[in-house]
PDB file of all heavy atoms in Angstrom:
ATOM      1  N   GLU A   1      16.579 -42.631 130.276  1.00  0.00           N
ATOM      2  CA  GLU A   1      16.638 -43.828 129.439  1.00  0.00           C
ATOM      3  C   GLU A   1      15.476 -43.866 128.463  1.00  0.00           C
ATOM      4  O   GLU A   1      15.633 -44.256 127.306  1.00  0.00           O
ATOM      5  CB  GLU A   1      16.627 -45.089 130.314  1.00  0.00           C
ATOM      6  CG  GLU A   1      17.920 -45.310 131.074  1.00  0.00           C
ATOM      7  CD  GLU A   1      17.943 -46.671 131.758  1.00  0.00           C
ATOM      8  OE1 GLU A   1      17.261 -47.588 131.251  1.00  0.00           O
ATOM      9  OE2 GLU A   1      18.627 -46.796 132.778  1.00  0.00           O
ATOM     10  N   HIS A   2      14.320 -43.457 128.928  1.00  0.00           N
ATOM     11  CA  HIS A   2      13.126 -43.463 128.083  1.00  0.00           C
ATOM     12  C   HIS A   2      12.528 -42.058 128.075  1.00  0.00           C
ATOM     13  O   HIS A   2      12.332 -41.459 129.134  1.00  0.00           O
ATOM     14  CB  HIS A   2      12.100 -44.476 128.608  1.00  0.00           C
ATOM     15  CG  HIS A   2      12.656 -45.863 128.729  1.00  0.00           C
ATOM     16  ND1 HIS A   2      12.924 -46.658 127.643  1.00  0.00           N
ATOM     17  CD2 HIS A   2      13.013 -46.574 129.843  1.00  0.00           C
ATOM     18  CE1 HIS A   2      13.419 -47.808 128.058  1.00  0.00           C
ATOM     19  NE2 HIS A   2      13.481 -47.786 129.381  1.00  0.00           N
ATOM     20  N   LEU A   3      12.236 -41.561 126.891  1.00  0.00           N
ATOM     21  CA  LEU A   3      11.696 -40.215 126.778  1.00  0.00           C
ATOM     22  C   LEU A   3      10.183 -40.224 126.966  1.00  0.00           C
ATOM     23  O   LEU A   3       9.403 -40.003 126.033  1.00  0.00           O
ATOM     24  CB  LEU A   3      12.050 -39.619 125.415  1.00  0.00           C
ATOM     25  CG  LEU A   3      13.470 -39.074 125.259  1.00  0.00           C
ATOM     26  CD1 LEU A   3      13.626 -38.401 123.903  1.00  0.00           C
ATOM     27  CD2 LEU A   3      13.828 -38.099 126.360  1.00  0.00           C
ATOM     28  N   ASP A   4       9.771 -40.489 128.187  1.00  0.00           N
ATOM     29  CA  ASP A   4       8.347 -40.381 128.487  1.00  0.00           C
ATOM     30  C   ASP A   4       7.936 -38.915 128.342  1.00  0.00           C
ATOM     31  O   ASP A   4       8.666 -38.006 128.731  1.00  0.00           O
ATOM     32  CB  ASP A   4       8.075 -40.858 129.918  1.00  0.00           C
ATOM     33  CG  ASP A   4       8.457 -42.314 130.108  1.00  0.00           C
ATOM     34  OD1 ASP A   4       8.245 -43.101 129.165  1.00  0.00           O
ATOM     35  OD2 ASP A   4       9.000 -42.651 131.175  1.00  0.00           O
ATOM     36  N   PRO A   5       6.771 -38.655 127.768  1.00  0.00           N
ATOM     37  CA  PRO A   5       6.349 -37.269 127.533  1.00  0.00           C
ATOM     38  C   PRO A   5       6.321 -36.473 128.843  1.00  0.00           C
ATOM     39  O   PRO A   5       6.010 -37.031 129.897  1.00  0.00           O
ATOM     40  CB  PRO A   5       4.942 -37.427 126.951  1.00  0.00           C
ATOM     41  CG  PRO A   5       4.936 -38.813 126.362  1.00  0.00           C
ATOM     42  CD  PRO A   5       5.786 -39.629 127.283  1.00  0.00           C
ATOM     43  N   PRO A   6       6.647 -35.176 128.757  1.00  0.00           N
ATOM     44  CA  PRO A   6       6.999 -34.434 127.544  1.00  0.00           C
ATOM     45  C   PRO A   6       8.493 -34.510 127.225  1.00  0.00           C
ATOM     46  O   PRO A   6       9.307 -34.773 128.121  1.00  0.00           O
ATOM     47  CB  PRO A   6       6.613 -33.003 127.917  1.00  0.00           C
ATOM     48  CG  PRO A   6       6.903 -32.932 129.391  1.00  0.00           C
ATOM     49  CD  PRO A   6       6.513 -34.285 129.944  1.00  0.00           C
ATOM     50  N   VAL A   7       8.837 -34.268 125.972  1.00  0.00           N
ATOM     51  CA  VAL A   7      10.231 -34.109 125.579  1.00  0.00           C
ATOM     52  C   VAL A   7      10.644 -32.693 125.957  1.00  0.00           C
ATOM     53  O   VAL A   7      10.007 -31.719 125.555  1.00  0.00           O
ATOM     54  CB  VAL A   7      10.414 -34.323 124.064  1.00  0.00           C
ATOM     55  CG1 VAL A   7      11.848 -34.053 123.648  1.00  0.00           C
ATOM     56  CG2 VAL A   7      10.010 -35.742 123.693  1.00  0.00           C
ATOM     57  N   ARG A   8      11.710 -32.583 126.740  1.00  0.00           N
ATOM     58  CA  ARG A   8      12.100 -31.294 127.315  1.00  0.00           C
ATOM     59  C   ARG A   8      13.218 -30.658 126.493  1.00  0.00           C
ATOM     60  O   ARG A   8      14.343 -31.155 126.483  1.00  0.00           O
ATOM     61  CB  ARG A   8      12.509 -31.484 128.771  1.00  0.00           C
ATOM     62  CG  ARG A   8      11.386 -32.091 129.618  1.00  0.00           C
ATOM     63  CD  ARG A   8      11.740 -32.197 131.081  1.00  0.00           C
ATOM     64  NE  ARG A   8      12.836 -33.124 131.344  1.00  0.00           N
ATOM     65  CZ  ARG A   8      12.792 -34.099 132.251  1.00  0.00           C
ATOM     66  NH1 ARG A   8      11.683 -34.291 132.957  1.00  0.00           N
ATOM     67  NH2 ARG A   8      13.831 -34.867 132.451  1.00  0.00           N
ATOM     68  N   LEU A   9      12.892 -29.568 125.827  1.00  0.00           N
ATOM     69  CA  LEU A   9      13.846 -28.835 124.996  1.00  0.00           C
ATOM     70  C   LEU A   9      14.317 -27.591 125.758  1.00  0.00           C
ATOM     71  O   LEU A   9      13.571 -27.017 126.557  1.00  0.00           O
ATOM     72  CB  LEU A   9      13.193 -28.410 123.682  1.00  0.00           C
ATOM     73  CG  LEU A   9      12.492 -29.507 122.880  1.00  0.00           C
ATOM     74  CD1 LEU A   9      11.806 -28.909 121.663  1.00  0.00           C
ATOM     75  CD2 LEU A   9      13.472 -30.600 122.479  1.00  0.00           C
ATOM     76  N   LEU A  10      15.560 -27.181 125.480  1.00  0.00           N
ATOM     77  CA  LEU A  10      16.120 -26.039 126.207  1.00  0.00           C
ATOM     78  C   LEU A  10      16.881 -25.118 125.264  1.00  0.00           C
ATOM     79  O   LEU A  10      17.664 -25.574 124.426  1.00  0.00           O
ATOM     80  CB  LEU A  10      17.081 -26.537 127.293  1.00  0.00           C
ATOM     81  CG  LEU A  10      17.835 -25.451 128.086  1.00  0.00           C
ATOM     82  CD1 LEU A  10      16.864 -24.679 128.991  1.00  0.00           C
ATOM     83  CD2 LEU A  10      18.960 -26.061 128.912  1.00  0.00           C
ATOM     84  N   TYR A  11      16.640 -23.829 125.419  1.00  0.00           N
ATOM     85  CA  TYR A  11      17.449 -22.793 124.776  1.00  0.00           C
ATOM     86  C   TYR A  11      18.085 -21.962 125.883  1.00  0.00           C
ATOM     87  O   TYR A  11      17.389 -21.508 126.804  1.00  0.00           O
ATOM     88  CB  TYR A  11      16.602 -21.888 123.875  1.00  0.00           C
ATOM     89  CG  TYR A  11      17.349 -20.637 123.467  1.00  0.00           C
ATOM     90  CD1 TYR A  11      18.188 -20.647 122.356  1.00  0.00           C
ATOM     91  CD2 TYR A  11      17.257 -19.465 124.215  1.00  0.00           C
ATOM     92  CE1 TYR A  11      18.911 -19.511 122.009  1.00  0.00           C
ATOM     93  CE2 TYR A  11      17.970 -18.324 123.873  1.00  0.00           C
ATOM     94  CZ  TYR A  11      18.800 -18.355 122.771  1.00  0.00           C
ATOM     95  OH  TYR A  11      19.521 -17.234 122.440  1.00  0.00           O
ATOM     96  N   VAL A  12      19.401 -21.714 125.787  1.00  0.00           N
ATOM     97  CA  VAL A  12      20.110 -20.867 126.738  1.00  0.00           C
ATOM     98  C   VAL A  12      20.814 -19.758 125.969  1.00  0.00           C
ATOM     99  O   VAL A  12      21.550 -20.030 125.013  1.00  0.00           O
ATOM    100  CB  VAL A  12      21.156 -21.671 127.545  1.00  0.00           C
ATOM    101  CG1 VAL A  12      21.975 -20.734 128.436  1.00  0.00           C
ATOM    102  CG2 VAL A  12      20.488 -22.744 128.387  1.00  0.00           C
ATOM    103  N   GLY A  13      20.591 -18.517 126.372  1.00  0.00           N
ATOM    104  CA  GLY A  13      21.284 -17.407 125.720  1.00  0.00           C
ATOM    105  C   GLY A  13      20.418 -16.163 125.685  1.00  0.00           C
ATOM    106  O   GLY A  13      19.312 -16.120 126.225  1.00  0.00           O
ATOM    107  N   ARG A  14      20.947 -15.133 125.058  1.00  0.00           N
ATOM    108  CA  ARG A  14      20.185 -13.903 124.889  1.00  0.00           C
ATOM    109  C   ARG A  14      18.903 -14.170 124.113  1.00  0.00           C
ATOM    110  O   ARG A  14      18.878 -14.984 123.181  1.00  0.00           O
ATOM    111  CB  ARG A  14      21.011 -12.890 124.101  1.00  0.00           C
ATOM    112  CG  ARG A  14      22.106 -12.217 124.884  1.00  0.00           C
ATOM    113  CD  ARG A  14      21.576 -11.108 125.742  1.00  0.00           C
ATOM    114  NE  ARG A  14      22.652 -10.295 126.280  1.00  0.00           N
ATOM    115  CZ  ARG A  14      22.497  -9.399 127.244  1.00  0.00           C
ATOM    116  NH1 ARG A  14      21.289  -9.219 127.774  1.00  0.00           N
ATOM    117  NH2 ARG A  14      23.510  -8.696 127.689  1.00  0.00           N
ATOM    118  N   LEU A  15      17.837 -13.490 124.496  1.00  0.00           N
ATOM    119  CA  LEU A  15      16.622 -13.507 123.693  1.00  0.00           C
ATOM    120  C   LEU A  15      16.798 -12.423 122.635  1.00  0.00           C
ATOM    121  O   LEU A  15      16.498 -11.244 122.851  1.00  0.00           O
ATOM    122  CB  LEU A  15      15.391 -13.242 124.562  1.00  0.00           C
ATOM    123  CG  LEU A  15      15.174 -14.221 125.721  1.00  0.00           C
ATOM    124  CD1 LEU A  15      13.854 -13.914 126.422  1.00  0.00           C
ATOM    125  CD2 LEU A  15      15.217 -15.660 125.265  1.00  0.00           C
ATOM    126  N   SER A  16      17.328 -12.836 121.496  1.00  0.00           N
ATOM    127  CA  SER A  16      17.732 -11.904 120.465  1.00  0.00           C
ATOM    128  C   SER A  16      17.352 -12.456 119.098  1.00  0.00           C
ATOM    129  O   SER A  16      17.413 -13.674 118.888  1.00  0.00           O
ATOM    130  CB  SER A  16      19.248 -11.683 120.523  1.00  0.00           C
ATOM    131  OG  SER A  16      19.749 -11.097 119.353  1.00  0.00           O
ATOM    132  N   PRO A  17      16.991 -11.590 118.153  1.00  0.00           N
ATOM    133  CA  PRO A  17      16.667 -12.082 116.809  1.00  0.00           C
ATOM    134  C   PRO A  17      17.804 -12.874 116.181  1.00  0.00           C
ATOM    135  O   PRO A  17      17.569 -13.867 115.489  1.00  0.00           O
ATOM    136  CB  PRO A  17      16.387 -10.788 116.020  1.00  0.00           C
ATOM    137  CG  PRO A  17      15.980  -9.793 117.054  1.00  0.00           C
ATOM    138  CD  PRO A  17      16.776 -10.136 118.278  1.00  0.00           C
ATOM    139  N   ARG A  18      19.045 -12.456 116.420  1.00  0.00           N
ATOM    140  CA  ARG A  18      20.182 -13.133 115.801  1.00  0.00           C
ATOM    141  C   ARG A  18      20.404 -14.544 116.356  1.00  0.00           C
ATOM    142  O   ARG A  18      21.051 -15.372 115.741  1.00  0.00           O
ATOM    143  CB  ARG A  18      21.463 -12.307 115.965  1.00  0.00           C
ATOM    144  CG  ARG A  18      21.921 -12.122 117.396  1.00  0.00           C
ATOM    145  CD  ARG A  18      23.220 -11.321 117.483  1.00  0.00           C
ATOM    146  NE  ARG A  18      24.341 -12.053 116.927  1.00  0.00           N
ATOM    147  CZ  ARG A  18      25.162 -11.592 115.989  1.00  0.00           C
ATOM    148  NH1 ARG A  18      24.979 -10.399 115.472  1.00  0.00           N
ATOM    149  NH2 ARG A  18      26.161 -12.319 115.553  1.00  0.00           N
ATOM    150  N   LYS A  19      19.846 -14.802 117.523  1.00  0.00           N
ATOM    151  CA  LYS A  19      20.018 -16.115 118.154  1.00  0.00           C
ATOM    152  C   LYS A  19      18.982 -17.137 117.687  1.00  0.00           C
ATOM    153  O   LYS A  19      19.041 -18.302 118.071  1.00  0.00           O
ATOM    154  CB  LYS A  19      19.942 -15.969 119.680  1.00  0.00           C
ATOM    155  CG  LYS A  19      21.062 -15.146 120.287  1.00  0.00           C
ATOM    156  CD  LYS A  19      22.379 -15.876 120.262  1.00  0.00           C
ATOM    157  CE  LYS A  19      23.449 -15.142 121.065  1.00  0.00           C
ATOM    158  NZ  LYS A  19      24.723 -15.887 121.100  1.00  0.00           N
ATOM    159  N   GLY A  20      17.997 -16.702 116.899  1.00  0.00           N
ATOM    160  CA  GLY A  20      17.030 -17.642 116.347  1.00  0.00           C
ATOM    161  C   GLY A  20      16.042 -18.205 117.346  1.00  0.00           C
ATOM    162  O   GLY A  20      15.520 -19.308 117.142  1.00  0.00           O
ATOM    163  N   VAL A  21      15.764 -17.454 118.408  1.00  0.00           N
ATOM    164  CA  VAL A  21      14.819 -17.949 119.414  1.00  0.00           C
ATOM    165  C   VAL A  21      13.437 -18.154 118.802  1.00  0.00           C
ATOM    166  O   VAL A  21      12.734 -19.113 119.125  1.00  0.00           O
ATOM    167  CB  VAL A  21      14.728 -16.976 120.611  1.00  0.00           C
ATOM    168  CG1 VAL A  21      13.964 -17.625 121.764  1.00  0.00           C
ATOM    169  CG2 VAL A  21      16.111 -16.555 121.078  1.00  0.00           C
ATOM    170  N   ASP A  22      13.051 -17.269 117.894  1.00  0.00           N
ATOM    171  CA  ASP A  22      11.755 -17.408 117.232  1.00  0.00           C
ATOM    172  C   ASP A  22      11.699 -18.672 116.377  1.00  0.00           C
ATOM    173  O   ASP A  22      10.629 -19.286 116.222  1.00  0.00           O
ATOM    174  CB  ASP A  22      11.449 -16.178 116.392  1.00  0.00           C
ATOM    175  CG  ASP A  22      12.570 -15.823 115.418  1.00  0.00           C
ATOM    176  OD1 ASP A  22      13.729 -16.206 115.673  1.00  0.00           O
ATOM    177  OD2 ASP A  22      12.290 -15.169 114.399  1.00  0.00           O
ATOM    178  N   VAL A  23      12.845 -19.077 115.826  1.00  0.00           N
ATOM    179  CA  VAL A  23      12.897 -20.304 115.042  1.00  0.00           C
ATOM    180  C   VAL A  23      12.654 -21.510 115.957  1.00  0.00           C
ATOM    181  O   VAL A  23      11.940 -22.455 115.591  1.00  0.00           O
ATOM    182  CB  VAL A  23      14.264 -20.443 114.332  1.00  0.00           C
ATOM    183  CG1 VAL A  23      14.311 -21.721 113.501  1.00  0.00           C
ATOM    184  CG2 VAL A  23      14.527 -19.229 113.455  1.00  0.00           C
ATOM    185  N   ALA A  24      13.230 -21.469 117.168  1.00  0.00           N
ATOM    186  CA  ALA A  24      13.011 -22.555 118.123  1.00  0.00           C
ATOM    187  C   ALA A  24      11.549 -22.658 118.518  1.00  0.00           C
ATOM    188  O   ALA A  24      10.993 -23.763 118.630  1.00  0.00           O
ATOM    189  CB  ALA A  24      13.882 -22.342 119.366  1.00  0.00           C
ATOM    190  N   VAL A  25      10.899 -21.499 118.714  1.00  0.00           N
ATOM    191  CA  VAL A  25       9.478 -21.498 119.067  1.00  0.00           C
ATOM    192  C   VAL A  25       8.643 -22.064 117.914  1.00  0.00           C
ATOM    193  O   VAL A  25       7.707 -22.846 118.126  1.00  0.00           O
ATOM    194  CB  VAL A  25       9.022 -20.080 119.449  1.00  0.00           C
ATOM    195  CG1 VAL A  25       7.507 -20.047 119.657  1.00  0.00           C
ATOM    196  CG2 VAL A  25       9.745 -19.605 120.709  1.00  0.00           C
ATOM    197  N   ALA A  26       9.000 -21.688 116.687  1.00  0.00           N
ATOM    198  CA  ALA A  26       8.277 -22.206 115.517  1.00  0.00           C
ATOM    199  C   ALA A  26       8.466 -23.712 115.383  1.00  0.00           C
ATOM    200  O   ALA A  26       7.529 -24.446 115.012  1.00  0.00           O
ATOM    201  CB  ALA A  26       8.755 -21.495 114.258  1.00  0.00           C
ATOM    202  N   ALA A  27       9.669 -24.194 115.672  1.00  0.00           N
ATOM    203  CA  ALA A  27       9.922 -25.640 115.616  1.00  0.00           C
ATOM    204  C   ALA A  27       9.110 -26.369 116.679  1.00  0.00           C
ATOM    205  O   ALA A  27       8.574 -27.464 116.438  1.00  0.00           O
ATOM    206  CB  ALA A  27      11.411 -25.916 115.797  1.00  0.00           C
ATOM    207  N   LEU A  28       9.008 -25.769 117.851  1.00  0.00           N
ATOM    208  CA  LEU A  28       8.190 -26.357 118.920  1.00  0.00           C
ATOM    209  C   LEU A  28       6.740 -26.494 118.458  1.00  0.00           C
ATOM    210  O   LEU A  28       6.113 -27.550 118.651  1.00  0.00           O
ATOM    211  CB  LEU A  28       8.265 -25.478 120.167  1.00  0.00           C
ATOM    212  CG  LEU A  28       7.293 -25.826 121.297  1.00  0.00           C
ATOM    213  CD1 LEU A  28       7.647 -27.171 121.922  1.00  0.00           C
ATOM    214  CD2 LEU A  28       7.283 -24.718 122.360  1.00  0.00           C
ATOM    215  N   ARG A  29       6.226 -25.450 117.867  1.00  0.00           N
ATOM    216  CA  ARG A  29       4.842 -25.484 117.394  1.00  0.00           C
ATOM    217  C   ARG A  29       4.656 -26.617 116.380  1.00  0.00           C
ATOM    218  O   ARG A  29       3.679 -27.360 116.421  1.00  0.00           O
ATOM    219  CB  ARG A  29       4.461 -24.142 116.772  1.00  0.00           C
ATOM    220  CG  ARG A  29       2.994 -24.075 116.308  1.00  0.00           C
ATOM    221  CD  ARG A  29       2.690 -22.749 115.658  1.00  0.00           C
ATOM    222  NE  ARG A  29       2.969 -21.634 116.542  1.00  0.00           N
ATOM    223  CZ  ARG A  29       2.200 -21.263 117.541  1.00  0.00           C
ATOM    224  NH1 ARG A  29       1.093 -21.956 117.800  1.00  0.00           N
ATOM    225  NH2 ARG A  29       2.522 -20.242 118.293  1.00  0.00           N
ATOM    226  N   ARG A  30       5.603 -26.758 115.462  1.00  0.00           N
ATOM    227  CA  ARG A  30       5.502 -27.790 114.427  1.00  0.00           C
ATOM    228  C   ARG A  30       5.517 -29.191 115.051  1.00  0.00           C
ATOM    229  O   ARG A  30       4.742 -30.064 114.666  1.00  0.00           O
ATOM    230  CB  ARG A  30       6.651 -27.640 113.428  1.00  0.00           C
ATOM    231  CG  ARG A  30       6.588 -28.639 112.280  1.00  0.00           C
ATOM    232  CD  ARG A  30       7.634 -28.339 111.224  1.00  0.00           C
ATOM    233  NE  ARG A  30       7.559 -29.295 110.126  1.00  0.00           N
ATOM    234  CZ  ARG A  30       6.739 -29.198 109.104  1.00  0.00           C
ATOM    235  NH1 ARG A  30       5.898 -28.176 109.024  1.00  0.00           N
ATOM    236  NH2 ARG A  30       6.731 -30.114 108.145  1.00  0.00           N
ATOM    237  N   LEU A  31       6.386 -29.396 116.026  1.00  0.00           N
ATOM    238  CA  LEU A  31       6.457 -30.708 116.682  1.00  0.00           C
ATOM    239  C   LEU A  31       5.133 -31.043 117.364  1.00  0.00           C
ATOM    240  O   LEU A  31       4.648 -32.186 117.282  1.00  0.00           O
ATOM    241  CB  LEU A  31       7.593 -30.714 117.711  1.00  0.00           C
ATOM    242  CG  LEU A  31       9.007 -30.710 117.136  1.00  0.00           C
ATOM    243  CD1 LEU A  31      10.029 -30.424 118.239  1.00  0.00           C
ATOM    244  CD2 LEU A  31       9.331 -32.044 116.461  1.00  0.00           C
ATOM    245  N   ARG A  32       4.548 -30.067 118.012  1.00  0.00           N
ATOM    246  CA  ARG A  32       3.286 -30.314 118.704  1.00  0.00           C
ATOM    247  C   ARG A  32       2.154 -30.568 117.707  1.00  0.00           C
ATOM    248  O   ARG A  32       1.278 -31.396 117.954  1.00  0.00           O
ATOM    249  CB  ARG A  32       2.965 -29.141 119.633  1.00  0.00           C
ATOM    250  CG  ARG A  32       3.955 -29.045 120.807  1.00  0.00           C
ATOM    251  CD  ARG A  32       3.588 -27.935 121.772  1.00  0.00           C
ATOM    252  NE  ARG A  32       2.305 -28.195 122.421  1.00  0.00           N
ATOM    253  CZ  ARG A  32       2.133 -28.966 123.496  1.00  0.00           C
ATOM    254  NH1 ARG A  32       3.165 -29.604 124.035  1.00  0.00           N
ATOM    255  NH2 ARG A  32       0.943 -29.115 124.019  1.00  0.00           N
ATOM    256  N   GLU A  33       2.188 -29.866 116.576  1.00  0.00           N
ATOM    257  CA  GLU A  33       1.181 -30.114 115.543  1.00  0.00           C
ATOM    258  C   GLU A  33       1.303 -31.521 114.972  1.00  0.00           C
ATOM    259  O   GLU A  33       0.324 -32.109 114.501  1.00  0.00           O
ATOM    260  CB  GLU A  33       1.321 -29.073 114.424  1.00  0.00           C
ATOM    261  CG  GLU A  33       0.877 -27.668 114.837  1.00  0.00           C
ATOM    262  CD  GLU A  33       1.189 -26.638 113.780  1.00  0.00           C
ATOM    263  OE1 GLU A  33       1.943 -26.974 112.835  1.00  0.00           O
ATOM    264  OE2 GLU A  33       0.697 -25.488 113.899  1.00  0.00           O
ATOM    265  N   GLN A  34       2.520 -32.068 115.023  1.00  0.00           N
ATOM    266  CA  GLN A  34       2.762 -33.419 114.527  1.00  0.00           C
ATOM    267  C   GLN A  34       2.493 -34.481 115.587  1.00  0.00           C
ATOM    268  O   GLN A  34       2.697 -35.671 115.338  1.00  0.00           O
ATOM    269  CB  GLN A  34       4.198 -33.535 114.019  1.00  0.00           C
ATOM    270  CG  GLN A  34       4.473 -32.691 112.774  1.00  0.00           C
ATOM    271  CD  GLN A  34       5.937 -32.682 112.389  1.00  0.00           C
ATOM    272  OE1 GLN A  34       6.819 -33.030 113.176  1.00  0.00           O
ATOM    273  NE2 GLN A  34       6.214 -32.282 111.158  1.00  0.00           N
ATOM    274  N   GLY A  35       2.053 -34.062 116.769  1.00  0.00           N
ATOM    275  CA  GLY A  35       1.657 -35.002 117.802  1.00  0.00           C
ATOM    276  C   GLY A  35       2.670 -35.250 118.894  1.00  0.00           C
ATOM    277  O   GLY A  35       2.424 -36.057 119.800  1.00  0.00           O
ATOM    278  N   MET A  36       3.819 -34.571 118.873  1.00  0.00           N
ATOM    279  CA  MET A  36       4.813 -34.764 119.925  1.00  0.00           C
ATOM    280  C   MET A  36       4.514 -33.845 121.100  1.00  0.00           C
ATOM    281  O   MET A  36       4.311 -32.638 120.922  1.00  0.00           O
ATOM    282  CB  MET A  36       6.237 -34.489 119.407  1.00  0.00           C
ATOM    283  CG  MET A  36       7.304 -34.688 120.495  1.00  0.00           C
ATOM    284  SD  MET A  36       8.973 -34.208 119.955  1.00  0.00           S
ATOM    285  CE  MET A  36       9.289 -35.421 118.676  1.00  0.00           C
ATOM    286  N   ASP A  37       4.501 -34.389 122.294  1.00  0.00           N
ATOM    287  CA  ASP A  37       4.346 -33.584 123.506  1.00  0.00           C
ATOM    288  C   ASP A  37       5.724 -33.021 123.857  1.00  0.00           C
ATOM    289  O   ASP A  37       6.464 -33.587 124.649  1.00  0.00           O
ATOM    290  CB  ASP A  37       3.795 -34.426 124.650  1.00  0.00           C
ATOM    291  CG  ASP A  37       3.547 -33.590 125.906  1.00  0.00           C
ATOM    292  OD1 ASP A  37       3.757 -32.361 125.858  1.00  0.00           O
ATOM    293  OD2 ASP A  37       3.162 -34.180 126.939  1.00  0.00           O
ATOM    294  N   ALA A  38       6.075 -31.899 123.240  1.00  0.00           N
ATOM    295  CA  ALA A  38       7.370 -31.256 123.464  1.00  0.00           C
ATOM    296  C   ALA A  38       7.161 -29.938 124.188  1.00  0.00           C
ATOM    297  O   ALA A  38       6.146 -29.259 123.985  1.00  0.00           O
ATOM    298  CB  ALA A  38       8.074 -31.014 122.129  1.00  0.00           C
ATOM    299  N   ARG A  39       8.139 -29.583 125.023  1.00  0.00           N
ATOM    300  CA  ARG A  39       8.086 -28.320 125.758  1.00  0.00           C
ATOM    301  C   ARG A  39       9.442 -27.637 125.653  1.00  0.00           C
ATOM    302  O   ARG A  39      10.472 -28.292 125.679  1.00  0.00           O
ATOM    303  CB  ARG A  39       7.700 -28.561 127.218  1.00  0.00           C
ATOM    304  CG  ARG A  39       6.338 -29.232 127.338  1.00  0.00           C
ATOM    305  CD  ARG A  39       5.876 -29.403 128.755  1.00  0.00           C
ATOM    306  NE  ARG A  39       4.634 -30.174 128.791  1.00  0.00           N
ATOM    307  CZ  ARG A  39       3.980 -30.485 129.904  1.00  0.00           C
ATOM    308  NH1 ARG A  39       4.453 -30.103 131.090  1.00  0.00           N
ATOM    309  NH2 ARG A  39       2.853 -31.178 129.832  1.00  0.00           N
ATOM    310  N   LEU A  40       9.405 -26.317 125.539  1.00  0.00           N
ATOM    311  CA  LEU A  40      10.618 -25.538 125.345  1.00  0.00           C
ATOM    312  C   LEU A  40      10.785 -24.530 126.469  1.00  0.00           C
ATOM    313  O   LEU A  40       9.886 -23.737 126.744  1.00  0.00           O
ATOM    314  CB  LEU A  40      10.560 -24.808 123.993  1.00  0.00           C
ATOM    315  CG  LEU A  40      11.685 -23.815 123.696  1.00  0.00           C
ATOM    316  CD1 LEU A  40      13.049 -24.507 123.673  1.00  0.00           C
ATOM    317  CD2 LEU A  40      11.406 -23.088 122.374  1.00  0.00           C
TER     318      LEU A  40
END
C-alpha cells in the first residue's frame, strides 16, 4: 500500500546486451542520484 524505502525493482530474463540489462542498471543509478532509495 505504501512504498516505504527501498523501492524494489526486478528484471527477469537472460543477462544479454539485447535485453537492455545495462540500461536498467543505468536507470537505477540515476534514480539513486536523484535521492530515491531504489534497489534492482
